[in-house]
Amino acid sequence: MTEVHISDAARIDLDDVWSYIAADNPDAADSFLRRMLARCQSYSHQPRLGESRSELGREVRCFSVERYVLYYKPIVDGIELIRVLHGSRDIQQL
């Protein structure tokens, strides 16, 4: 079975996304995070499916969910989610 491992930085990012959305609508925040994590699970079955971002590091790939970009690395049993950032953020600077 494939898994989604979540780095400490990605966990903080997910908490931040949830908090931002939940300020207006906690149910929408819950739903959005469930959608994000479901997409992560899908990518864990086909880890090479995401867009290659080798300029950010070896094996780094990404995909988007609405306005957010999820960065991950393929691992033996799935993926490791490394960051979740709003699409307007400068990833190179981070």
PDB file of N, CA and C in Angstrom:
ATOM      1  N   MET A   1       0.847  -1.188   0.000  1.00  0.00           N
ATOM      2  CA  MET A   1       0.000   0.000   0.000  1.00  0.00           C
ATOM      3  C   MET A   1       0.887   1.245   0.000  1.00  0.00           C
ATOM      4  N   THR A   2       0.490   2.233  -0.769  1.00  0.00           N
ATOM      5  CA  THR A   2       1.272   3.459  -0.826  1.00  0.00           C
ATOM      6  C   THR A   2       0.870   4.392   0.313  1.00  0.00           C
ATOM      7  N   GLU A   3       1.803   5.262   0.651  1.00  0.00           N
ATOM      8  CA  GLU A   3       1.571   6.190   1.752  1.00  0.00           C
ATOM      9  C   GLU A   3       1.962   7.601   1.356  1.00  0.00           C
ATOM     10  N   VAL A   4       1.421   8.549   2.114  1.00  0.00           N
ATOM     11  CA  VAL A   4       1.806   9.954   1.999  1.00  0.00           C
ATOM     12  C   VAL A   4       2.478  10.325   3.305  1.00  0.00           C
ATOM     13  N   HIS A   5       3.782  10.555   3.232  1.00  0.00           N
ATOM     14  CA  HIS A   5       4.515  11.027   4.398  1.00  0.00           C
ATOM     15  C   HIS A   5       4.507  12.552   4.332  1.00  0.00           C
ATOM     16  N   ILE A   6       4.260  13.195   5.444  1.00  0.00           N
ATOM     17  CA  ILE A   6       4.164  14.660   5.472  1.00  0.00           C
ATOM     18  C   ILE A   6       5.304  15.215   6.307  1.00  0.00           C
ATOM     19  N   SER A   7       6.139  16.042   5.679  1.00  0.00           N
ATOM     20  CA  SER A   7       7.259  16.655   6.395  1.00  0.00           C
ATOM     21  C   SER A   7       6.736  17.651   7.425  1.00  0.00           C
ATOM     22  N   ASP A   8       7.592  18.011   8.358  1.00  0.00           N
ATOM     23  CA  ASP A   8       7.211  19.007   9.365  1.00  0.00           C
ATOM     24  C   ASP A   8       6.822  20.332   8.710  1.00  0.00           C
ATOM     25  N   ALA A   9       7.592  20.747   7.704  1.00  0.00           N
ATOM     26  CA  ALA A   9       7.291  22.016   7.019  1.00  0.00           C
ATOM     27  C   ALA A   9       5.936  21.949   6.319  1.00  0.00           C
ATOM     28  N   ALA A  10       5.637  20.822   5.666  1.00  0.00           N
ATOM     29  CA  ALA A  10       4.350  20.679   4.982  1.00  0.00           C
ATOM     30  C   ALA A  10       3.206  20.639   5.989  1.00  0.00           C
ATOM     31  N   ARG A  11       3.428  20.034   7.138  1.00  0.00           N
ATOM     32  CA  ARG A  11       2.387  19.984   8.173  1.00  0.00           C
ATOM     33  C   ARG A  11       2.055  21.410   8.649  1.00  0.00           C
ATOM     34  N   ILE A  12       3.074  22.223   8.820  1.00  0.00           N
ATOM     35  CA  ILE A  12       2.859  23.627   9.206  1.00  0.00           C
ATOM     36  C   ILE A  12       2.108  24.359   8.095  1.00  0.00           C
ATOM     37  N   ASP A  13       2.524  24.120   6.839  1.00  0.00           N
ATOM     38  CA  ASP A  13       1.838  24.743   5.700  1.00  0.00           C
ATOM     39  C   ASP A  13       0.359  24.364   5.682  1.00  0.00           C
ATOM     40  N   LEU A  14       0.054  23.082   5.886  1.00  0.00           N
ATOM     41  CA  LEU A  14      -1.337  22.629   5.882  1.00  0.00           C
ATOM     42  C   LEU A  14      -2.131  23.272   7.011  1.00  0.00           C
ATOM     43  N   ASP A  15      -1.505  23.388   8.172  1.00  0.00           N
ATOM     44  CA  ASP A  15      -2.160  24.062   9.301  1.00  0.00           C
ATOM     45  C   ASP A  15      -2.459  25.516   8.962  1.00  0.00           C
ATOM     46  N   ASP A  16      -1.508  26.177   8.305  1.00  0.00           N
ATOM     47  CA  ASP A  16      -1.691  27.576   7.915  1.00  0.00           C
ATOM     48  C   ASP A  16      -2.832  27.726   6.902  1.00  0.00           C
ATOM     49  N   VAL A  17      -2.881  26.821   5.920  1.00  0.00           N
ATOM     50  CA  VAL A  17      -3.949  26.861   4.926  1.00  0.00           C
ATOM     51  C   VAL A  17      -5.294  26.673   5.623  1.00  0.00           C
ATOM     52  N   TRP A  18      -5.362  25.673   6.500  1.00  0.00           N
ATOM     53  CA  TRP A  18      -6.613  25.415   7.212  1.00  0.00           C
ATOM     54  C   TRP A  18      -7.032  26.639   8.024  1.00  0.00           C
ATOM     55  N   SER A  19      -6.109  27.227   8.757  1.00  0.00           N
ATOM     56  CA  SER A  19      -6.425  28.386   9.598  1.00  0.00           C
ATOM     57  C   SER A  19      -6.926  29.563   8.770  1.00  0.00           C
ATOM     58  N   TYR A  20      -6.286  29.789   7.643  1.00  0.00           N
ATOM     59  CA  TYR A  20      -6.682  30.904   6.782  1.00  0.00           C
ATOM     60  C   TYR A  20      -8.119  30.727   6.294  1.00  0.00           C
ATOM     61  N   ILE A  21      -8.434  29.540   5.803  1.00  0.00           N
ATOM     62  CA  ILE A  21      -9.778  29.288   5.285  1.00  0.00           C
ATOM     63  C   ILE A  21     -10.789  29.222   6.423  1.00  0.00           C
ATOM     64  N   ALA A  22     -10.403  28.613   7.529  1.00  0.00           N
ATOM     65  CA  ALA A  22     -11.310  28.423   8.665  1.00  0.00           C
ATOM     66  C   ALA A  22     -11.707  29.735   9.324  1.00  0.00           C
ATOM     67  N   ALA A  23     -10.931  30.787   9.137  1.00  0.00           N
ATOM     68  CA  ALA A  23     -11.296  32.084   9.697  1.00  0.00           C
ATOM     69  C   ALA A  23     -12.671  32.515   9.178  1.00  0.00           C
ATOM     70  N   ASP A  24     -12.996  32.094   7.949  1.00  0.00           N
ATOM     71  CA  ASP A  24     -14.301  32.401   7.365  1.00  0.00           C
ATOM     72  C   ASP A  24     -15.267  31.222   7.429  1.00  0.00           C
ATOM     73  N   ASN A  25     -14.723  29.996   7.283  1.00  0.00           N
ATOM     74  CA  ASN A  25     -15.615  28.842   7.180  1.00  0.00           C
ATOM     75  C   ASN A  25     -14.858  27.557   7.547  1.00  0.00           C
ATOM     76  N   PRO A  26     -14.951  27.114   8.796  1.00  0.00           N
ATOM     77  CA  PRO A  26     -14.239  25.904   9.219  1.00  0.00           C
ATOM     78  C   PRO A  26     -14.618  24.659   8.415  1.00  0.00           C
ATOM     79  N   ASP A  27     -15.890  24.533   8.034  1.00  0.00           N
ATOM     80  CA  ASP A  27     -16.295  23.365   7.241  1.00  0.00           C
ATOM     81  C   ASP A  27     -15.617  23.362   5.876  1.00  0.00           C
ATOM     82  N   ALA A  28     -15.506  24.531   5.265  1.00  0.00           N
ATOM     83  CA  ALA A  28     -14.822  24.637   3.971  1.00  0.00           C
ATOM     84  C   ALA A  28     -13.343  24.299   4.126  1.00  0.00           C
ATOM     85  N   ALA A  29     -12.738  24.705   5.235  1.00  0.00           N
ATOM     86  CA  ALA A  29     -11.326  24.397   5.489  1.00  0.00           C
ATOM     87  C   ALA A  29     -11.131  22.893   5.612  1.00  0.00           C
ATOM     88  N   ASP A  30     -12.013  22.239   6.352  1.00  0.00           N
ATOM     89  CA  ASP A  30     -11.935  20.779   6.485  1.00  0.00           C
ATOM     90  C   ASP A  30     -12.059  20.100   5.124  1.00  0.00           C
ATOM     91  N   SER A  31     -13.035  20.537   4.350  1.00  0.00           N
ATOM     92  CA  SER A  31     -13.274  19.952   3.035  1.00  0.00           C
ATOM     93  C   SER A  31     -12.084  20.152   2.104  1.00  0.00           C
ATOM     94  N   PHE A  32     -11.515  21.347   2.116  1.00  0.00           N
ATOM     95  CA  PHE A  32     -10.387  21.641   1.242  1.00  0.00           C
ATOM     96  C   PHE A  32      -9.183  20.784   1.605  1.00  0.00           C
ATOM     97  N   LEU A  33      -8.888  20.654   2.883  1.00  0.00           N
ATOM     98  CA  LEU A  33      -7.756  19.814   3.274  1.00  0.00           C
ATOM     99  C   LEU A  33      -8.005  18.351   2.929  1.00  0.00           C
ATOM    100  N   ARG A  34      -9.223  17.882   3.065  1.00  0.00           N
ATOM    101  CA  ARG A  34      -9.525  16.506   2.654  1.00  0.00           C
ATOM    102  C   ARG A  34      -9.261  16.325   1.160  1.00  0.00           C
ATOM    103  N   ARG A  35      -9.654  17.318   0.347  1.00  0.00           N
ATOM    104  CA  ARG A  35      -9.393  17.247  -1.102  1.00  0.00           C
ATOM    105  C   ARG A  35      -7.901  17.228  -1.388  1.00  0.00           C
ATOM    106  N   MET A  36      -7.157  18.078  -0.701  1.00  0.00           N
ATOM    107  CA  MET A  36      -5.699  18.114  -0.896  1.00  0.00           C
ATOM    108  C   MET A  36      -5.077  16.754  -0.567  1.00  0.00           C
ATOM    109  N   LEU A  37      -5.454  16.210   0.569  1.00  0.00           N
ATOM    110  CA  LEU A  37      -4.865  14.942   1.001  1.00  0.00           C
ATOM    111  C   LEU A  37      -5.306  13.782   0.105  1.00  0.00           C
ATOM    112  N   ALA A  38      -6.508  13.848  -0.437  1.00  0.00           N
ATOM    113  CA  ALA A  38      -6.957  12.825  -1.384  1.00  0.00           C
ATOM    114  C   ALA A  38      -6.121  12.878  -2.656  1.00  0.00           C
ATOM    115  N   ARG A  39      -5.823  14.082  -3.120  1.00  0.00           N
ATOM    116  CA  ARG A  39      -4.947  14.222  -4.302  1.00  0.00           C
ATOM    117  C   ARG A  39      -3.560  13.698  -4.013  1.00  0.00           C
ATOM    118  N   CYS A  40      -3.059  13.962  -2.805  1.00  0.00           N
ATOM    119  CA  CYS A  40      -1.748  13.417  -2.418  1.00  0.00           C
ATOM    120  C   CYS A  40      -1.772  11.898  -2.485  1.00  0.00           C
ATOM    121  N   GLN A  41      -2.833  11.309  -1.982  1.00  0.00           N
ATOM    122  CA  GLN A  41      -2.948   9.847  -2.016  1.00  0.00           C
ATOM    123  C   GLN A  41      -2.946   9.343  -3.450  1.00  0.00           C
ATOM    124  N   SER A  42      -3.623  10.045  -4.341  1.00  0.00           N
ATOM    125  CA  SER A  42      -3.619   9.660  -5.759  1.00  0.00           C
ATOM    126  C   SER A  42      -2.212   9.698  -6.331  1.00  0.00           C
ATOM    127  N   TYR A  43      -1.483  10.758  -6.022  1.00  0.00           N
ATOM    128  CA  TYR A  43      -0.115  10.882  -6.526  1.00  0.00           C
ATOM    129  C   TYR A  43       0.810   9.859  -5.894  1.00  0.00           C
ATOM    130  N   SER A  44       0.497   9.376  -4.718  1.00  0.00           N
ATOM    131  CA  SER A  44       1.346   8.365  -4.088  1.00  0.00           C
ATOM    132  C   SER A  44       1.317   7.059  -4.882  1.00  0.00           C
ATOM    133  N   HIS A  45       0.248   6.822  -5.638  1.00  0.00           N
ATOM    134  CA  HIS A  45       0.157   5.624  -6.474  1.00  0.00           C
ATOM    135  C   HIS A  45       0.956   5.774  -7.764  1.00  0.00           C
ATOM    136  N   GLN A  46       1.116   7.011  -8.234  1.00  0.00           N
ATOM    137  CA  GLN A  46       1.879   7.300  -9.448  1.00  0.00           C
ATOM    138  C   GLN A  46       2.777   8.506  -9.182  1.00  0.00           C
ATOM    139  N   PRO A  47       3.817   8.324  -8.406  1.00  0.00           N
ATOM    140  CA  PRO A  47       4.619   9.461  -7.934  1.00  0.00           C
ATOM    141  C   PRO A  47       5.343  10.258  -9.024  1.00  0.00           C
ATOM    142  N   ARG A  48       5.541   9.683 -10.179  1.00  0.00           N
ATOM    143  CA  ARG A  48       6.233  10.411 -11.249  1.00  0.00           C
ATOM    144  C   ARG A  48       5.265  11.240 -12.088  1.00  0.00           C
ATOM    145  N   LEU A  49       4.007  11.245 -11.727  1.00  0.00           N
ATOM    146  CA  LEU A  49       2.977  11.936 -12.496  1.00  0.00           C
ATOM    147  C   LEU A  49       3.100  13.460 -12.402  1.00  0.00           C
ATOM    148  N   GLY A  50       3.533  13.986 -11.275  1.00  0.00           N
ATOM    149  CA  GLY A  50       3.618  15.432 -11.089  1.00  0.00           C
ATOM    150  C   GLY A  50       4.694  16.079 -11.942  1.00  0.00           C
ATOM    151  N   GLU A  51       4.596  17.383 -12.056  1.00  0.00           N
ATOM    152  CA  GLU A  51       5.561  18.159 -12.840  1.00  0.00           C
ATOM    153  C   GLU A  51       6.921  18.151 -12.154  1.00  0.00           C
ATOM    154  N   SER A  52       7.955  17.845 -12.908  1.00  0.00           N
ATOM    155  CA  SER A  52       9.311  17.835 -12.364  1.00  0.00           C
ATOM    156  C   SER A  52       9.762  19.253 -12.022  1.00  0.00           C
ATOM    157  N   ARG A  53      10.338  19.418 -10.856  1.00  0.00           N
ATOM    158  CA  ARG A  53      10.888  20.711 -10.423  1.00  0.00           C
ATOM    159  C   ARG A  53      12.322  20.503  -9.958  1.00  0.00           C
ATOM    160  N   SER A  54      13.145  19.933 -10.817  1.00  0.00           N
ATOM    161  CA  SER A  54      14.521  19.584 -10.470  1.00  0.00           C
ATOM    162  C   SER A  54      15.356  20.798 -10.074  1.00  0.00           C
ATOM    163  N   GLU A  55      14.929  21.995 -10.495  1.00  0.00           N
ATOM    164  CA  GLU A  55      15.667  23.196 -10.077  1.00  0.00           C
ATOM    165  C   GLU A  55      15.519  23.450  -8.575  1.00  0.00           C
ATOM    166  N   LEU A  56      14.551  22.796  -7.941  1.00  0.00           N
ATOM    167  CA  LEU A  56      14.330  22.962  -6.499  1.00  0.00           C
ATOM    168  C   LEU A  56      15.001  21.873  -5.679  1.00  0.00           C
ATOM    169  N   GLY A  57      15.443  20.835  -6.342  1.00  0.00           N
ATOM    170  CA  GLY A  57      16.100  19.739  -5.642  1.00  0.00           C
ATOM    171  C   GLY A  57      15.899  18.440  -6.381  1.00  0.00           C
ATOM    172  N   ARG A  58      16.729  17.502  -6.058  1.00  0.00           N
ATOM    173  CA  ARG A  58      16.666  16.203  -6.716  1.00  0.00           C
ATOM    174  C   ARG A  58      15.313  15.541  -6.455  1.00  0.00           C
ATOM    175  N   GLU A  59      14.676  15.123  -7.542  1.00  0.00           N
ATOM    176  CA  GLU A  59      13.420  14.382  -7.480  1.00  0.00           C
ATOM    177  C   GLU A  59      12.200  15.205  -7.047  1.00  0.00           C
ATOM    178  N   VAL A  60      12.332  16.519  -6.875  1.00  0.00           N
ATOM    179  CA  VAL A  60      11.177  17.323  -6.451  1.00  0.00           C
ATOM    180  C   VAL A  60      10.187  17.428  -7.600  1.00  0.00           C
ATOM    181  N   ARG A  61       8.917  17.204  -7.267  1.00  0.00           N
ATOM    182  CA  ARG A  61       7.825  17.293  -8.224  1.00  0.00           C
ATOM    183  C   ARG A  61       6.707  18.101  -7.579  1.00  0.00           C
ATOM    184  N   CYS A  62       5.725  18.502  -8.386  1.00  0.00           N
ATOM    185  CA  CYS A  62       4.621  19.271  -7.817  1.00  0.00           C
ATOM    186  C   CYS A  62       3.332  19.043  -8.590  1.00  0.00           C
ATOM    187  N   PHE A  63       2.240  19.410  -7.964  1.00  0.00           N
ATOM    188  CA  PHE A  63       0.930  19.456  -8.585  1.00  0.00           C
ATOM    189  C   PHE A  63       0.141  20.522  -7.841  1.00  0.00           C
ATOM    190  N   SER A  64      -0.942  20.969  -8.444  1.00  0.00           N
ATOM    191  CA  SER A  64      -1.708  22.038  -7.799  1.00  0.00           C
ATOM    192  C   SER A  64      -3.109  21.558  -7.428  1.00  0.00           C
ATOM    193  N   VAL A  65      -3.614  22.192  -6.398  1.00  0.00           N
ATOM    194  CA  VAL A  65      -4.998  22.032  -5.972  1.00  0.00           C
ATOM    195  C   VAL A  65      -5.518  23.449  -5.790  1.00  0.00           C
ATOM    196  N   GLU A  66      -6.362  23.847  -6.715  1.00  0.00           N
ATOM    197  CA  GLU A  66      -6.854  25.218  -6.784  1.00  0.00           C
ATOM    198  C   GLU A  66      -5.666  26.180  -6.793  1.00  0.00           C
ATOM    199  N   ARG A  67      -5.558  27.069  -5.837  1.00  0.00           N
ATOM    200  CA  ARG A  67      -4.490  28.086  -5.860  1.00  0.00           C
ATOM    201  C   ARG A  67      -3.216  27.643  -5.155  1.00  0.00           C
ATOM    202  N   TYR A  68      -3.183  26.428  -4.660  1.00  0.00           N
ATOM    203  CA  TYR A  68      -2.038  25.947  -3.897  1.00  0.00           C
ATOM    204  C   TYR A  68      -1.225  24.952  -4.717  1.00  0.00           C
ATOM    205  N   VAL A  69       0.086  25.004  -4.515  1.00  0.00           N
ATOM    206  CA  VAL A  69       0.995  24.079  -5.175  1.00  0.00           C
ATOM    207  C   VAL A  69       1.586  23.178  -4.098  1.00  0.00           C
ATOM    208  N   LEU A  70       1.497  21.882  -4.329  1.00  0.00           N
ATOM    209  CA  LEU A  70       2.001  20.897  -3.386  1.00  0.00           C
ATOM    210  C   LEU A  70       3.275  20.305  -3.958  1.00  0.00           C
ATOM    211  N   TYR A  71       4.358  20.400  -3.210  1.00  0.00           N
ATOM    212  CA  TYR A  71       5.668  19.924  -3.625  1.00  0.00           C
ATOM    213  C   TYR A  71       5.953  18.622  -2.889  1.00  0.00           C
ATOM    214  N   TYR A  72       6.473  17.657  -3.620  1.00  0.00           N
ATOM    215  CA  TYR A  72       6.718  16.353  -3.016  1.00  0.00           C
ATOM    216  C   TYR A  72       7.910  15.671  -3.676  1.00  0.00           C
ATOM    217  N   LYS A  73       8.353  14.591  -3.029  1.00  0.00           N
ATOM    218  CA  LYS A  73       9.377  13.723  -3.584  1.00  0.00           C
ATOM    219  C   LYS A  73       8.834  12.300  -3.586  1.00  0.00           C
ATOM    220  N   PRO A  74       9.056  11.579  -4.683  1.00  0.00           N
ATOM    221  CA  PRO A  74       8.702  10.164  -4.673  1.00  0.00           C
ATOM    222  C   PRO A  74       9.598   9.418  -3.674  1.00  0.00           C
ATOM    223  N   ILE A  75       9.021   8.492  -2.951  1.00  0.00           N
ATOM    224  CA  ILE A  75       9.784   7.627  -2.045  1.00  0.00           C
ATOM    225  C   ILE A  75       9.360   6.187  -2.334  1.00  0.00           C
ATOM    226  N   VAL A  76      10.028   5.246  -1.728  1.00  0.00           N
ATOM    227  CA  VAL A  76       9.805   3.835  -2.021  1.00  0.00           C
ATOM    228  C   VAL A  76       8.340   3.432  -1.900  1.00  0.00           C
ATOM    229  N   ASP A  77       7.659   3.874  -0.863  1.00  0.00           N
ATOM    230  CA  ASP A  77       6.288   3.422  -0.623  1.00  0.00           C
ATOM    231  C   ASP A  77       5.233   4.491  -0.889  1.00  0.00           C
ATOM    232  N   GLY A  78       5.564   5.516  -1.677  1.00  0.00           N
ATOM    233  CA  GLY A  78       4.590   6.563  -1.983  1.00  0.00           C
ATOM    234  C   GLY A  78       5.252   7.886  -2.271  1.00  0.00           C
ATOM    235  N   ILE A  79       4.829   8.916  -1.532  1.00  0.00           N
ATOM    236  CA  ILE A  79       5.435  10.241  -1.686  1.00  0.00           C
ATOM    237  C   ILE A  79       5.677  10.865  -0.317  1.00  0.00           C
ATOM    238  N   GLU A  80       6.611  11.807  -0.309  1.00  0.00           N
ATOM    239  CA  GLU A  80       6.807  12.651   0.859  1.00  0.00           C
ATOM    240  C   GLU A  80       6.402  14.059   0.462  1.00  0.00           C
ATOM    241  N   LEU A  81       5.362  14.561   1.083  1.00  0.00           N
ATOM    242  CA  LEU A  81       4.916  15.927   0.849  1.00  0.00           C
ATOM    243  C   LEU A  81       5.885  16.847   1.584  1.00  0.00           C
ATOM    244  N   ILE A  82       6.535  17.750   0.841  1.00  0.00           N
ATOM    245  CA  ILE A  82       7.562  18.570   1.478  1.00  0.00           C
ATOM    246  C   ILE A  82       7.129  20.015   1.726  1.00  0.00           C
ATOM    247  N   ARG A  83       6.249  20.557   0.881  1.00  0.00           N
ATOM    248  CA  ARG A  83       5.728  21.914   1.106  1.00  0.00           C
ATOM    249  C   ARG A  83       4.370  22.051   0.449  1.00  0.00           C
ATOM    250  N   VAL A  84       3.564  22.966   0.982  1.00  0.00           N
ATOM    251  CA  VAL A  84       2.270  23.335   0.409  1.00  0.00           C
ATOM    252  C   VAL A  84       2.232  24.856   0.432  1.00  0.00           C
ATOM    253  N   LEU A  85       2.290  25.457  -0.749  1.00  0.00           N
ATOM    254  CA  LEU A  85       2.421  26.910  -0.830  1.00  0.00           C
ATOM    255  C   LEU A  85       1.395  27.501  -1.781  1.00  0.00           C
ATOM    256  N   HIS A  86       0.942  28.688  -1.463  1.00  0.00           N
ATOM    257  CA  HIS A  86       0.058  29.410  -2.373  1.00  0.00           C
ATOM    258  C   HIS A  86       0.827  29.657  -3.664  1.00  0.00           C
ATOM    259  N   GLY A  87       0.142  29.553  -4.785  1.00  0.00           N
ATOM    260  CA  GLY A  87       0.785  29.697  -6.087  1.00  0.00           C
ATOM    261  C   GLY A  87       1.458  31.031  -6.321  1.00  0.00           C
ATOM    262  N   SER A  88       1.095  32.055  -5.560  1.00  0.00           N
ATOM    263  CA  SER A  88       1.712  33.373  -5.747  1.00  0.00           C
ATOM    264  C   SER A  88       3.026  33.516  -4.980  1.00  0.00           C
ATOM    265  N   ARG A  89       3.337  32.550  -4.125  1.00  0.00           N
ATOM    266  CA  ARG A  89       4.580  32.622  -3.346  1.00  0.00           C
ATOM    267  C   ARG A  89       5.786  32.346  -4.222  1.00  0.00           C
ATOM    268  N   ASP A  90       6.905  32.940  -3.889  1.00  0.00           N
ATOM    269  CA  ASP A  90       8.160  32.729  -4.618  1.00  0.00           C
ATOM    270  C   ASP A  90       8.884  31.546  -4.008  1.00  0.00           C
ATOM    271  N   ILE A  91       8.731  30.390  -4.624  1.00  0.00           N
ATOM    272  CA  ILE A  91       9.322  29.164  -4.085  1.00  0.00           C
ATOM    273  C   ILE A  91      10.846  29.232  -4.062  1.00  0.00           C
ATOM    274  N   GLN A  92      11.435  29.898  -5.025  1.00  0.00           N
ATOM    275  CA  GLN A  92      12.905  30.016  -5.050  1.00  0.00           C
ATOM    276  C   GLN A  92      13.419  30.735  -3.817  1.00  0.00           C
ATOM    277  N   GLN A  93      12.672  31.728  -3.373  1.00  0.00           N
ATOM    278  CA  GLN A  93      13.078  32.497  -2.203  1.00  0.00           C
ATOM    279  C   GLN A  93      12.933  31.698  -0.905  1.00  0.00           C
ATOM    280  N   LEU A  94      11.978  30.790  -0.875  1.00  0.00           N
ATOM    281  CA  LEU A  94      11.747  29.971   0.300  1.00  0.00           C
ATOM    282  C   LEU A  94      12.727  28.835   0.384  1.00  0.00           C
TER     283      LEU A  94
END
